[in-house]
Amino acid sequence: MPFAPEYLHLVFPGVRFDALLYGRNSDDPLKMGGSVEDQLTTGRNLCNRHNWHIRQEFKDTDVSASRHGKKARDDFEELLSTITGSPAPAGVRRILVAYNASRYYRDLEAYVRLRNACLAANVLLCYNGQVYDLSRRDDRKATAMHAVDAEDEAEGLRDQNLRTATLQAEAGKPHGKLLYGYLREYAVVGGRKRCVRQYEDPVRGTYVFQSLQRIDTGHSMRSLVRWLKSVPEAARPDGKPWNEITARRMLLNRAYLGERVHNGTWVKGTWDPIKGLETPEGRAMFNRVTVKLTDPARRTQRGTEVAHLLSFNSYCGECGDHRVLAAWPRASGTMLLGCKETRHLAIREDLADAYVEEAVIQWFRDKRKATTALVPDEGEVEEKVTSAQRRINAYEEQLREAREQAEEFDEETGRFKLSATSLASIEQRLIPKLEQERKKLQQMTGVSPLLLSLLESKDPDAVWNGLVDADGKVVEPGLSLEQKREVIRKVVTVRLYKASRPGIRTVEPGRIKLAFVGQPGFRDGPLRGPVSVPAQGLQGVPAPGSPSGTG
């Protein structure tokens, strides 16, 4: 049986008692540690009444003690080290004091660790105003039962929290860590902090939208991160610096569309989208960025800035579309563009760049052709979106009904209404179709502002290269190299073939073949596979006849 504190000096006569105080809470809505301070105050009063000398205090604020806790209990670990690492002087007995058992542990493993430490160091355990000597069998049994009760209470609280989280998810309410670009209004309900409203941060919210715009207009992730770091107002609230991982995570998060995820499905949330994304144009931009960043064929620059227009943005016509072209320097200092793996064909990079750039500018000058190729019919797009969403809803409904039947037990037959084998067969058949329709819907993205700027301009050359006045001063900046690469990727597929004979230094007819949007041979992004396009048939240009080729 435990000892009452007032009789402890009779049980252990001639001993001085030194106390180690511990306090902990798992939910601190005001971030002030008030609950923990109250626990320690109670412990101090207990020690003062019974003349126990307080040696040290330990406290873990806003940290769970259950097995589901994700934060480390730093002071609890320090407490264990103090107990086992520094023995008490002769004539001194140490007492570990807490408000109740659940402050120490809500997990049997933590209880066993604390019990072993107290046993090894001959430390008494005090909580609920009672003192336990763990060297005694009945006290070990009593504290073990209290530990079981504390763990069970934690599991019950977790089940309740999961139910609450599910209800919040079904209602579309925000949950989890505060998202960059938003603010929250909280209220303390029943001692717990609850979010009552989530709304756009008037300062940081605009940087979410501007970040999407930058990627949509052809800027790289590296340049986006550099820009975010250069603007003090765009700093993250947690003080951590921006990097490509965090920026990419932000750009792909559909919560900025006013949605939240529940059981792997995005549903409408109770908060508004970031300003600019609530419109059809804004959602289309978000989808374009998503497609761009999640395209498995997308190549990323690592370690260096983009320095070449066509490197890894064009194909070897001789090998096929599974092999892209790359740039490398020659002994004279000029750059070559060619099939770097085989070195069986190459051309001066500046010649190839000039040829392709002029062709793209000329293509945008033909407004009728370019508009027909790039701008889809609005009615047709709307019909496709509606059709795809209708099929998505139907597939999801079939899967939901099948899974419900697989969980319903028929008392008459003694079997589930749908066997696990049948459910697996249905899922194997429907899930690929569902994913295919979701991908179709996501890719209905409209036309990016970058392409529209060239389409709508009377002089695409001025947009592409910029304008300077008579004094050489830049009046209108042209596209960056990143933006030019993006335009080429979206509107034309470039393939390089061998020259008719060695030593050719010009772009002879048929050596660079271009397939624009809507033409045979156009590829929207690099491929990964041994796909080859015949030399004949592209724009009606015959293939060069000779097997040689560096010029």
Protein backbone atom coordinates (compact mmCIF):
# COMPACT_ATOMS: atom_id res chain seq x y z
CA MET A 1 0.00 0.00 0.00
CA PRO A 2 1.25 3.55 -0.65
CA PHE A 3 2.34 5.87 2.12
CA ALA A 4 0.67 9.13 3.06
CA PRO A 5 3.24 11.96 2.78
CA GLU A 6 2.70 13.11 6.34
CA TYR A 7 3.85 9.72 7.70
CA LEU A 8 6.81 9.26 5.40
CA HIS A 9 9.31 10.45 8.02
CA LEU A 10 8.07 7.68 10.32
CA VAL A 11 8.58 5.00 7.65
CA PHE A 12 12.08 6.25 6.81
CA PRO A 13 13.37 7.84 10.03
CA GLY A 14 16.49 9.97 10.03
CA VAL A 15 16.34 10.53 6.26
CA ARG A 16 16.27 13.84 4.38
CA PHE A 17 13.93 13.86 1.37
CA ASP A 18 14.95 15.59 -1.87
CA ALA A 19 12.22 16.09 -4.48
CA LEU A 20 12.34 16.05 -8.28
CA LEU A 21 9.21 17.69 -9.70
CA TYR A 22 7.73 16.78 -13.11
CA GLY A 23 4.86 18.38 -15.04
CA ARG A 24 3.46 17.71 -18.50
CA ASN A 25 0.48 18.48 -20.68
CA SER A 26 -0.42 17.44 -24.22
CA ASP A 27 -2.54 20.41 -25.28
CA ASP A 28 -1.52 24.00 -24.58
CA PRO A 29 -3.97 26.26 -26.46
CA LEU A 30 -2.42 29.53 -25.30
CA LYS A 31 1.20 28.32 -25.60
CA MET A 32 1.92 29.61 -22.08
CA GLY A 33 2.39 26.36 -20.16
CA GLY A 34 -0.30 27.35 -17.63
CA SER A 35 -1.45 23.81 -16.95
CA VAL A 36 2.11 22.59 -16.38
CA GLU A 37 2.82 25.52 -14.06
CA ASP A 38 -0.29 24.67 -12.02
CA GLN A 39 0.93 21.07 -11.68
CA LEU A 40 4.35 22.22 -10.50
CA THR A 41 2.77 24.68 -8.05
CA THR A 42 0.75 21.85 -6.54
CA GLY A 43 3.94 19.81 -6.23
CA ARG A 44 5.83 22.70 -4.63
CA ASN A 45 3.08 23.19 -2.04
CA LEU A 46 3.18 19.47 -1.22
CA CYS A 47 6.95 19.57 -0.78
CA ASN A 48 6.81 22.69 1.40
CA ARG A 49 4.17 21.21 3.71
CA HIS A 50 6.27 18.13 4.36
CA ASN A 51 9.68 19.76 4.38
CA TRP A 52 10.93 18.05 1.19
CA HIS A 53 13.79 19.91 -0.42
CA ILE A 54 13.12 20.61 -4.14
CA ARG A 55 16.27 19.75 -6.07
CA GLN A 56 15.12 20.19 -9.71
CA GLU A 57 12.01 20.72 -11.83
CA PHE A 58 11.22 19.17 -15.21
CA LYS A 59 8.39 20.08 -17.56
CA ASP A 60 7.18 19.00 -21.02
CA THR A 61 4.69 21.45 -22.52
CA ASP A 62 2.35 20.54 -25.38
CA VAL A 63 3.76 17.00 -25.58
CA SER A 64 1.76 13.78 -25.56
CA ALA A 65 2.83 10.88 -23.33
CA SER A 66 0.96 8.21 -25.33
CA ARG A 67 2.48 5.82 -27.85
CA HIS A 68 0.95 7.95 -30.63
CA GLY A 69 2.88 11.08 -29.60
CA LYS A 70 5.15 12.51 -32.29
CA LYS A 71 7.17 15.00 -30.22
CA ALA A 72 10.07 13.94 -28.05
CA ARG A 73 9.64 14.35 -24.27
CA ASP A 74 12.95 16.03 -23.72
CA ASP A 75 12.53 16.79 -20.00
CA PHE A 76 11.22 13.29 -19.29
CA GLU A 77 14.36 11.85 -20.86
CA GLU A 78 16.47 14.29 -18.82
CA LEU A 79 14.58 13.21 -15.71
CA LEU A 80 15.45 9.55 -16.32
CA SER A 81 19.09 10.49 -16.86
CA THR A 82 19.13 12.50 -13.64
CA ILE A 83 17.66 9.61 -11.64
CA THR A 84 20.11 7.01 -12.94
CA GLY A 85 23.13 9.23 -13.50
CA SER A 86 23.59 10.95 -10.15
CA PRO A 87 23.10 8.85 -6.97
CA ALA A 88 21.74 10.55 -3.86
CA PRO A 89 24.18 11.40 -1.05
CA ALA A 90 24.22 9.28 2.10
CA GLY A 91 21.24 9.93 4.33
CA VAL A 92 19.15 11.35 1.47
CA ARG A 93 16.13 9.69 -0.20
CA ARG A 94 14.84 11.17 -3.44
CA ILE A 95 11.14 11.43 -4.33
CA LEU A 96 9.78 11.96 -7.82
CA VAL A 97 6.65 14.16 -7.60
CA ALA A 98 3.91 14.67 -10.22
CA TYR A 99 0.23 15.60 -10.14
CA ASN A 100 -1.06 12.19 -11.26
CA ALA A 101 0.10 9.01 -13.01
CA SER A 102 -0.91 10.17 -16.51
CA ARG A 103 1.55 13.08 -16.23
CA TYR A 104 4.39 10.53 -16.11
CA TYR A 105 3.09 8.11 -18.73
CA ARG A 106 0.18 7.13 -20.94
CA ASP A 107 2.19 4.28 -22.38
CA LEU A 108 3.21 1.06 -20.58
CA GLU A 109 6.66 1.17 -22.13
CA ALA A 110 7.32 4.59 -20.54
CA TYR A 111 6.04 3.26 -17.22
CA VAL A 112 8.44 0.32 -17.30
CA ARG A 113 11.37 2.62 -18.08
CA LEU A 114 10.51 4.95 -15.20
CA ARG A 115 9.91 2.05 -12.80
CA ASN A 116 13.26 0.47 -13.68
CA ALA A 117 15.06 3.78 -13.20
CA CYS A 118 13.42 4.33 -9.80
CA LEU A 119 14.19 0.77 -8.71
CA ALA A 120 17.83 1.03 -9.74
CA ALA A 121 18.32 4.37 -7.95
CA ASN A 122 16.04 3.63 -4.94
CA VAL A 123 13.80 6.62 -5.78
CA LEU A 124 10.27 6.94 -4.39
CA LEU A 125 7.37 7.77 -6.71
CA CYS A 126 4.70 10.27 -5.67
CA TYR A 127 1.43 11.21 -7.41
CA ASN A 128 -2.18 11.84 -6.40
CA GLY A 129 -0.86 12.78 -2.95
CA GLN A 130 0.45 9.25 -2.31
CA VAL A 131 4.02 7.91 -2.13
CA TYR A 132 4.96 4.54 -3.68
CA ASP A 133 8.06 2.50 -2.90
CA LEU A 134 8.67 0.46 -6.05
CA SER A 135 10.89 -2.00 -4.22
CA ARG A 136 7.65 -3.30 -2.65
CA ARG A 137 5.55 -5.82 -4.56
CA ASP A 138 2.14 -4.29 -3.78
CA ASP A 139 3.30 -0.80 -4.80
CA ARG A 140 4.65 -2.10 -8.10
CA LYS A 141 1.31 -3.80 -8.75
CA ALA A 142 -0.67 -0.66 -7.86
CA THR A 143 1.43 1.64 -10.06
CA ALA A 144 1.26 -0.88 -12.91
CA MET A 145 -2.56 -0.87 -12.72
CA HIS A 146 -2.54 2.92 -12.73
CA ALA A 147 -0.30 2.83 -15.82
CA VAL A 148 -2.74 0.48 -17.58
CA ASP A 149 -5.62 2.86 -16.76
CA ALA A 150 -3.62 5.86 -18.03
CA GLU A 151 -2.82 4.11 -21.30
CA ASP A 152 -6.44 3.04 -21.78
CA GLU A 153 -7.60 6.59 -21.12
CA ALA A 154 -5.17 7.84 -23.78
CA GLU A 155 -6.49 5.32 -26.30
CA GLY A 156 -10.05 6.44 -25.56
CA LEU A 157 -9.08 10.08 -26.08
CA ARG A 158 -7.39 9.16 -29.36
CA ASP A 159 -10.51 7.36 -30.60
CA GLN A 160 -12.53 10.43 -29.71
CA ASN A 161 -10.07 12.70 -31.52
CA LEU A 162 -10.18 10.48 -34.60
CA ARG A 163 -13.97 10.65 -34.64
CA THR A 164 -13.78 14.42 -34.31
CA ALA A 165 -11.20 14.62 -37.11
CA THR A 166 -13.41 12.47 -39.35
CA LEU A 167 -16.44 14.67 -38.70
CA GLN A 168 -14.35 17.78 -39.39
CA ALA A 169 -13.06 16.26 -42.62
CA GLU A 170 -16.55 15.33 -43.80
CA ALA A 171 -17.65 18.89 -43.01
CA GLY A 172 -14.63 20.27 -44.90
CA LYS A 173 -13.15 22.04 -41.88
CA PRO A 174 -9.40 22.76 -41.70
CA HIS A 175 -7.21 20.34 -39.79
CA GLY A 176 -3.54 19.95 -38.97
CA LYS A 177 -0.71 22.41 -39.40
CA LEU A 178 -1.56 25.93 -40.57
CA LEU A 179 -0.97 26.27 -44.29
CA TYR A 180 1.37 28.97 -45.63
CA GLY A 181 -0.71 31.84 -47.01
CA TYR A 182 -3.56 31.41 -44.51
CA LEU A 183 -4.39 32.59 -40.99
CA ARG A 184 -6.70 30.99 -38.43
CA GLU A 185 -9.02 32.25 -35.76
CA TYR A 186 -9.08 30.00 -32.69
CA ALA A 187 -11.30 29.55 -29.68
CA VAL A 188 -10.71 27.46 -26.56
CA VAL A 189 -13.59 25.00 -26.19
CA GLY A 190 -13.58 22.60 -23.27
CA GLY A 191 -9.96 23.40 -22.54
CA ARG A 192 -8.89 22.61 -26.09
CA LYS A 193 -7.97 24.96 -28.89
CA ARG A 194 -10.36 24.76 -31.85
CA CYS A 195 -10.12 26.46 -35.22
CA VAL A 196 -13.31 28.40 -35.90
CA ARG A 197 -12.22 30.11 -39.13
CA GLN A 198 -9.44 29.92 -41.72
CA TYR A 199 -8.89 32.85 -44.03
CA GLU A 200 -6.27 34.18 -46.45
CA ASP A 201 -3.24 35.95 -45.05
CA PRO A 202 -3.43 39.42 -46.70
CA VAL A 203 0.38 39.51 -47.02
CA ARG A 204 1.58 35.96 -47.70
CA GLY A 205 -1.49 34.82 -49.64
CA THR A 206 -0.55 36.90 -52.66
CA TYR A 207 2.86 35.17 -52.85
CA VAL A 208 1.14 31.82 -53.31
CA PHE A 209 -0.69 33.13 -56.37
CA GLN A 210 2.39 34.91 -57.73
CA SER A 211 4.46 31.72 -57.30
CA LEU A 212 1.97 29.79 -59.42
CA GLN A 213 2.07 32.55 -62.03
CA ARG A 214 5.86 32.42 -62.21
CA ILE A 215 5.97 28.68 -62.84
CA ASP A 216 3.08 28.99 -65.30
CA THR A 217 5.01 31.59 -67.31
CA GLY A 218 8.10 29.41 -67.66
CA HIS A 219 10.29 30.24 -64.66
CA SER A 220 12.19 27.38 -63.04
CA MET A 221 11.79 26.17 -59.47
CA ARG A 222 15.27 27.43 -58.70
CA SER A 223 14.47 30.97 -59.84
CA LEU A 224 11.18 30.84 -57.89
CA VAL A 225 12.97 29.88 -54.68
CA ARG A 226 15.54 32.60 -55.24
CA TRP A 227 12.73 35.14 -55.65
CA LEU A 228 10.87 33.95 -52.53
CA LYS A 229 14.07 34.26 -50.51
CA SER A 230 14.68 37.79 -51.79
CA VAL A 231 11.30 39.14 -50.61
CA PRO A 232 11.13 39.59 -46.80
CA GLU A 233 7.31 39.59 -46.79
CA ALA A 234 7.28 36.13 -48.41
CA ALA A 235 9.24 34.52 -45.55
CA ARG A 236 7.75 31.40 -44.00
CA PRO A 237 6.13 31.93 -40.57
CA ASP A 238 8.23 29.15 -39.01
CA GLY A 239 11.40 31.02 -39.96
CA LYS A 240 12.77 28.16 -42.07
CA PRO A 241 14.21 29.12 -45.48
CA TRP A 242 12.45 28.29 -48.72
CA ASN A 243 13.83 25.42 -50.80
CA GLU A 244 12.65 23.58 -53.90
CA ILE A 245 10.93 20.87 -51.86
CA THR A 246 8.84 23.25 -49.77
CA ALA A 247 8.03 25.46 -52.77
CA ARG A 248 6.95 22.46 -54.84
CA ARG A 249 4.79 21.19 -51.99
CA MET A 250 3.10 24.58 -51.84
CA LEU A 251 2.44 24.72 -55.59
CA LEU A 252 0.81 21.28 -55.64
CA ASN A 253 -1.41 21.70 -52.58
CA ARG A 254 -5.08 21.77 -53.59
CA ALA A 255 -5.96 23.36 -50.25
CA TYR A 256 -5.24 26.66 -52.01
CA LEU A 257 -8.29 25.88 -54.17
CA GLY A 258 -10.43 25.75 -51.02
CA GLU A 259 -10.32 21.96 -50.77
CA ARG A 260 -9.18 19.47 -48.14
CA VAL A 261 -8.27 15.81 -48.39
CA HIS A 262 -10.24 13.05 -46.67
CA ASN A 263 -9.50 9.35 -47.18
CA GLY A 264 -7.42 10.19 -50.24
CA THR A 265 -10.18 12.26 -51.86
CA TRP A 266 -10.23 16.05 -52.09
CA VAL A 267 -13.52 17.59 -50.94
CA LYS A 268 -14.71 21.20 -50.74
CA GLY A 269 -13.43 23.00 -47.66
CA THR A 270 -15.07 25.68 -45.54
CA TRP A 271 -12.45 28.30 -46.44
CA ASP A 272 -12.12 30.36 -49.62
CA PRO A 273 -9.48 29.70 -52.27
CA ILE A 274 -6.49 32.01 -52.50
CA LYS A 275 -7.59 35.15 -54.33
CA GLY A 276 -7.20 34.59 -58.07
CA LEU A 277 -7.67 30.81 -57.85
CA GLU A 278 -11.43 31.01 -57.32
CA THR A 279 -12.00 31.73 -61.03
CA PRO A 280 -12.01 29.15 -63.86
CA GLU A 281 -8.86 30.79 -65.21
CA GLY A 282 -7.18 30.50 -61.83
CA ARG A 283 -8.05 26.81 -61.48
CA ALA A 284 -6.83 26.20 -65.03
CA MET A 285 -3.50 27.83 -64.14
CA PHE A 286 -3.24 25.67 -61.01
CA ASN A 287 -3.87 22.56 -63.14
CA ARG A 288 -1.24 23.60 -65.67
CA VAL A 289 1.34 23.99 -62.93
CA THR A 290 0.35 20.63 -61.44
CA VAL A 291 0.75 18.89 -64.78
CA LYS A 292 4.10 20.59 -65.36
CA LEU A 293 5.52 19.66 -61.94
CA THR A 294 4.21 16.09 -61.85
CA ASP A 295 5.02 15.11 -65.43
CA PRO A 296 7.26 11.99 -65.07
CA ALA A 297 9.03 12.95 -68.29
CA ARG A 298 9.99 16.37 -66.97
CA ARG A 299 13.74 16.95 -66.75
CA THR A 300 15.08 19.20 -64.02
CA GLN A 301 18.32 21.15 -63.95
CA ARG A 302 20.53 20.10 -61.05
CA GLY A 303 23.43 22.15 -59.78
CA THR A 304 23.56 24.75 -62.60
CA GLU A 305 21.29 27.34 -64.14
CA VAL A 306 19.67 26.71 -67.51
CA ALA A 307 22.26 27.67 -70.12
CA HIS A 308 21.05 26.12 -73.40
CA LEU A 309 17.90 26.53 -75.46
CA LEU A 310 17.66 23.08 -77.05
CA SER A 311 19.80 20.88 -74.82
CA PHE A 312 17.50 18.15 -73.37
CA ASN A 313 14.70 19.95 -75.19
CA SER A 314 15.12 18.28 -78.62
CA TYR A 315 15.66 14.81 -80.07
CA CYS A 316 18.09 12.77 -82.11
CA GLY A 317 16.25 12.02 -85.33
CA GLU A 318 18.56 9.10 -86.14
CA CYS A 319 18.22 7.28 -82.78
CA GLY A 320 14.60 8.13 -82.06
CA ASP A 321 12.72 10.09 -79.40
CA HIS A 322 14.14 8.02 -76.56
CA ARG A 323 17.42 9.93 -76.97
CA VAL A 324 17.56 13.68 -76.42
CA LEU A 325 20.19 16.12 -77.66
CA ALA A 326 22.75 17.77 -75.40
CA ALA A 327 25.31 20.55 -75.77
CA TRP A 328 29.09 20.24 -75.33
CA PRO A 329 32.09 22.46 -76.16
CA ARG A 330 34.50 21.75 -79.01
CA ALA A 331 38.23 22.44 -78.96
CA SER A 332 37.80 25.81 -80.69
CA GLY A 333 35.50 27.01 -77.91
CA THR A 334 32.25 26.96 -79.89
CA MET A 335 29.35 24.87 -78.57
CA LEU A 336 27.93 21.88 -80.39
CA LEU A 337 24.43 20.43 -80.09
CA GLY A 338 24.06 16.77 -80.86
CA CYS A 339 23.64 13.19 -79.75
CA LYS A 340 26.11 13.20 -76.89
CA GLU A 341 25.89 9.46 -76.21
CA THR A 342 26.87 8.33 -79.71
CA ARG A 343 28.53 11.52 -81.11
CA HIS A 344 27.35 10.41 -84.56
CA LEU A 345 25.75 13.78 -85.34
CA ALA A 346 26.18 17.35 -84.16
CA ILE A 347 25.66 20.93 -85.30
CA ARG A 348 26.82 24.29 -84.08
CA GLU A 349 24.50 25.26 -81.25
CA ASP A 350 24.10 28.90 -82.29
CA LEU A 351 22.96 27.87 -85.78
CA ALA A 352 20.39 25.42 -84.44
CA ASP A 353 19.10 27.93 -81.87
CA ALA A 354 18.68 30.70 -84.47
CA TYR A 355 16.91 28.33 -86.89
CA VAL A 356 14.41 27.10 -84.29
CA GLU A 357 13.76 30.53 -82.77
CA GLU A 358 13.02 32.08 -86.16
CA ALA A 359 10.68 29.21 -87.04
CA VAL A 360 8.75 29.58 -83.75
CA ILE A 361 8.37 33.35 -84.24
CA GLN A 362 7.13 32.82 -87.80
CA TRP A 363 4.66 30.19 -86.60
CA PHE A 364 3.17 32.63 -84.06
CA ARG A 365 2.85 35.28 -86.78
CA ASP A 366 0.24 33.07 -88.49
CA LYS A 367 -2.48 33.87 -85.96
CA ARG A 368 -5.12 31.65 -87.47
CA LYS A 369 -2.91 28.57 -87.53
CA ALA A 370 -1.44 29.14 -84.07
CA THR A 371 -4.80 29.92 -82.47
CA THR A 372 -6.44 26.86 -84.04
CA ALA A 373 -3.63 24.65 -82.73
CA LEU A 374 -3.41 26.07 -79.21
CA VAL A 375 -6.83 27.39 -78.18
CA PRO A 376 -9.45 24.67 -77.76
CA ASP A 377 -13.10 25.25 -78.45
CA GLU A 378 -14.71 26.33 -75.13
CA GLY A 379 -17.87 24.34 -75.74
CA GLU A 380 -15.90 21.21 -76.54
CA VAL A 381 -13.73 21.60 -73.44
CA GLU A 382 -16.77 22.12 -71.21
CA GLU A 383 -18.40 19.02 -72.66
CA LYS A 384 -15.24 16.96 -72.05
CA VAL A 385 -14.93 18.22 -68.48
CA THR A 386 -18.56 17.37 -67.73
CA SER A 387 -18.22 13.94 -69.33
CA ALA A 388 -15.03 13.13 -67.41
CA GLN A 389 -16.52 14.25 -64.09
CA ARG A 390 -19.63 12.18 -64.74
CA ARG A 391 -17.53 9.06 -65.30
CA ILE A 392 -15.42 9.81 -62.19
CA ASN A 393 -18.58 10.06 -60.07
CA ALA A 394 -19.92 6.80 -61.50
CA TYR A 395 -16.69 4.88 -60.86
CA GLU A 396 -16.43 6.23 -57.31
CA GLU A 397 -20.05 5.25 -56.61
CA GLN A 398 -19.47 1.71 -57.89
CA LEU A 399 -16.37 1.32 -55.72
CA ARG A 400 -18.16 2.69 -52.66
CA GLU A 401 -21.10 0.31 -53.09
CA ALA A 402 -18.79 -2.68 -53.62
CA ARG A 403 -16.76 -1.89 -50.50
CA GLU A 404 -19.91 -1.46 -48.42
CA GLN A 405 -21.22 -4.84 -49.59
CA ALA A 406 -17.86 -6.44 -48.73
CA GLU A 407 -18.35 -5.24 -45.12
CA GLU A 408 -22.01 -6.30 -44.78
CA PHE A 409 -22.56 -9.76 -43.30
CA ASP A 410 -25.62 -11.75 -44.41
CA GLU A 411 -26.95 -13.67 -41.39
CA GLU A 412 -29.06 -16.00 -43.57
CA THR A 413 -26.23 -17.22 -45.79
CA GLY A 414 -23.48 -16.82 -43.21
CA ARG A 415 -21.36 -14.92 -45.70
CA PHE A 416 -20.47 -11.37 -46.61
CA LYS A 417 -22.62 -9.95 -49.39
CA LEU A 418 -19.51 -9.55 -51.55
CA SER A 419 -16.45 -11.74 -51.22
CA ALA A 420 -12.95 -10.34 -50.86
CA THR A 421 -12.03 -11.97 -54.18
CA SER A 422 -14.91 -10.27 -55.98
CA LEU A 423 -14.07 -6.93 -54.38
CA ALA A 424 -10.44 -7.24 -55.46
CA SER A 425 -11.54 -8.02 -59.00
CA ILE A 426 -13.85 -4.99 -59.11
CA GLU A 427 -11.13 -2.70 -57.73
CA GLN A 428 -8.59 -4.04 -60.21
CA ARG A 429 -10.97 -3.23 -63.04
CA LEU A 430 -12.33 0.13 -61.89
CA ILE A 431 -9.40 1.89 -60.19
CA PRO A 432 -7.27 2.20 -63.37
CA LYS A 433 -10.28 3.63 -65.21
CA LEU A 434 -10.91 6.06 -62.36
CA GLU A 435 -7.30 7.26 -62.34
CA GLN A 436 -7.33 7.65 -66.12
CA GLU A 437 -10.41 9.89 -65.98
CA ARG A 438 -8.93 11.94 -63.13
CA LYS A 439 -5.78 12.48 -65.19
CA LYS A 440 -7.85 13.57 -68.19
CA LEU A 441 -9.73 16.07 -66.06
CA GLN A 442 -6.53 17.45 -64.57
CA GLN A 443 -4.95 17.96 -67.98
CA MET A 444 -7.77 20.14 -69.30
CA THR A 445 -5.71 23.17 -68.47
CA GLY A 446 -6.35 25.84 -71.09
CA VAL A 447 -3.58 28.02 -72.54
CA SER A 448 -0.78 29.43 -70.37
CA PRO A 449 -0.27 33.24 -70.20
CA LEU A 450 3.18 32.73 -71.71
CA LEU A 451 1.74 31.31 -74.93
CA LEU A 452 -1.11 33.83 -74.93
CA SER A 453 1.39 36.71 -74.84
CA LEU A 454 2.86 35.46 -78.14
CA LEU A 455 -0.53 34.65 -79.62
CA GLU A 456 -2.03 38.04 -78.88
CA SER A 457 0.98 40.15 -79.82
CA LYS A 458 1.05 41.85 -83.21
CA ASP A 459 4.80 41.33 -83.23
CA PRO A 460 5.83 37.98 -81.62
CA ASP A 461 9.46 38.89 -82.31
CA ALA A 462 9.17 41.82 -79.86
CA VAL A 463 7.80 39.51 -77.17
CA TRP A 464 10.46 36.86 -77.85
CA ASN A 465 13.54 39.08 -78.14
CA GLY A 466 12.35 42.33 -76.54
CA LEU A 467 12.64 45.90 -77.84
CA VAL A 468 15.45 48.46 -77.62
CA ASP A 469 15.39 52.13 -78.57
CA ALA A 470 17.82 54.00 -80.81
CA ASP A 471 20.25 54.42 -77.90
CA GLY A 472 20.30 50.71 -77.19
CA LYS A 473 18.21 51.04 -74.02
CA VAL A 474 15.86 48.13 -73.31
CA VAL A 475 12.26 49.32 -73.73
CA GLU A 476 10.59 45.93 -73.43
CA PRO A 477 12.47 42.91 -72.03
CA GLY A 478 12.25 39.70 -74.01
CA LEU A 479 11.59 36.20 -72.73
CA SER A 480 14.11 34.58 -70.44
CA LEU A 481 15.91 31.44 -71.57
CA GLU A 482 13.71 29.38 -69.26
CA GLN A 483 10.57 30.86 -70.83
CA LYS A 484 11.85 30.25 -74.37
CA ARG A 485 12.52 26.61 -73.51
CA GLU A 486 9.01 26.33 -72.13
CA VAL A 487 7.47 27.75 -75.31
CA ILE A 488 9.46 25.35 -77.49
CA ARG A 489 8.44 22.42 -75.31
CA LYS A 490 4.77 23.36 -75.68
CA VAL A 491 4.52 24.26 -79.36
CA VAL A 492 7.20 22.43 -81.36
CA THR A 493 9.17 19.18 -81.36
CA VAL A 494 12.73 19.56 -82.68
CA ARG A 495 14.65 16.67 -84.25
CA LEU A 496 18.19 16.78 -85.62
CA TYR A 497 19.45 14.48 -88.42
CA LYS A 498 22.87 13.87 -89.98
CA ALA A 499 24.25 16.23 -92.59
CA SER A 500 24.43 15.05 -96.19
CA ARG A 501 28.25 14.86 -95.96
CA PRO A 502 31.02 15.65 -93.46
CA GLY A 503 32.05 19.27 -92.96
CA ILE A 504 28.64 20.88 -93.65
CA ARG A 505 28.50 24.02 -91.50
CA THR A 506 25.07 25.34 -92.49
CA VAL A 507 21.53 24.21 -91.67
CA GLU A 508 20.83 22.41 -94.95
CA PRO A 509 17.22 21.56 -95.81
CA GLY A 510 15.83 18.62 -93.87
CA ARG A 511 18.58 18.49 -91.27
CA ILE A 512 16.48 20.11 -88.53
CA LYS A 513 12.89 18.93 -88.68
CA LEU A 514 10.16 20.75 -86.75
CA ALA A 515 6.74 19.33 -85.86
CA PHE A 516 4.40 21.97 -84.44
CA VAL A 517 1.28 21.40 -82.34
CA GLY A 518 -1.30 19.46 -84.34
CA GLN A 519 1.22 18.18 -86.90
CA PRO A 520 2.43 14.57 -87.23
CA GLY A 521 5.42 13.90 -85.01
CA PHE A 522 4.67 16.53 -82.34
CA ARG A 523 5.46 15.35 -78.81
CA ASP A 524 4.33 17.24 -75.72
CA GLY A 525 7.45 16.75 -73.58
CA PRO A 526 10.38 14.30 -73.63
CA LEU A 527 9.60 10.61 -73.95
CA ARG A 528 11.01 7.65 -72.08
CA GLY A 529 10.97 4.70 -74.42
CA PRO A 530 12.33 3.51 -77.76
CA VAL A 531 9.93 5.52 -79.88
CA SER A 532 11.30 6.51 -83.27
CA VAL A 533 9.81 8.89 -85.80
CA PRO A 534 10.67 8.22 -89.46
CA ALA A 535 12.77 10.79 -91.24
CA GLN A 536 10.19 11.09 -93.99
CA GLY A 537 6.79 12.60 -93.43
CA LEU A 538 7.59 15.56 -91.17
CA GLN A 539 6.41 18.77 -92.83
CA GLY A 540 6.97 17.15 -96.20
CA VAL A 541 10.75 17.54 -96.01
CA PRO A 542 12.77 14.59 -97.37
CA ALA A 543 15.50 13.13 -95.18
CA PRO A 544 19.14 13.80 -95.98
CA GLY A 545 20.70 10.90 -97.74
CA SER A 546 24.19 10.65 -96.36
CA PRO A 547 25.27 8.76 -93.21
CA SER A 548 27.82 11.40 -92.19
CA GLY A 549 27.33 14.37 -90.09
CA THR A 550 29.20 16.93 -87.97
CA GLY A 551 29.15 20.44 -89.29
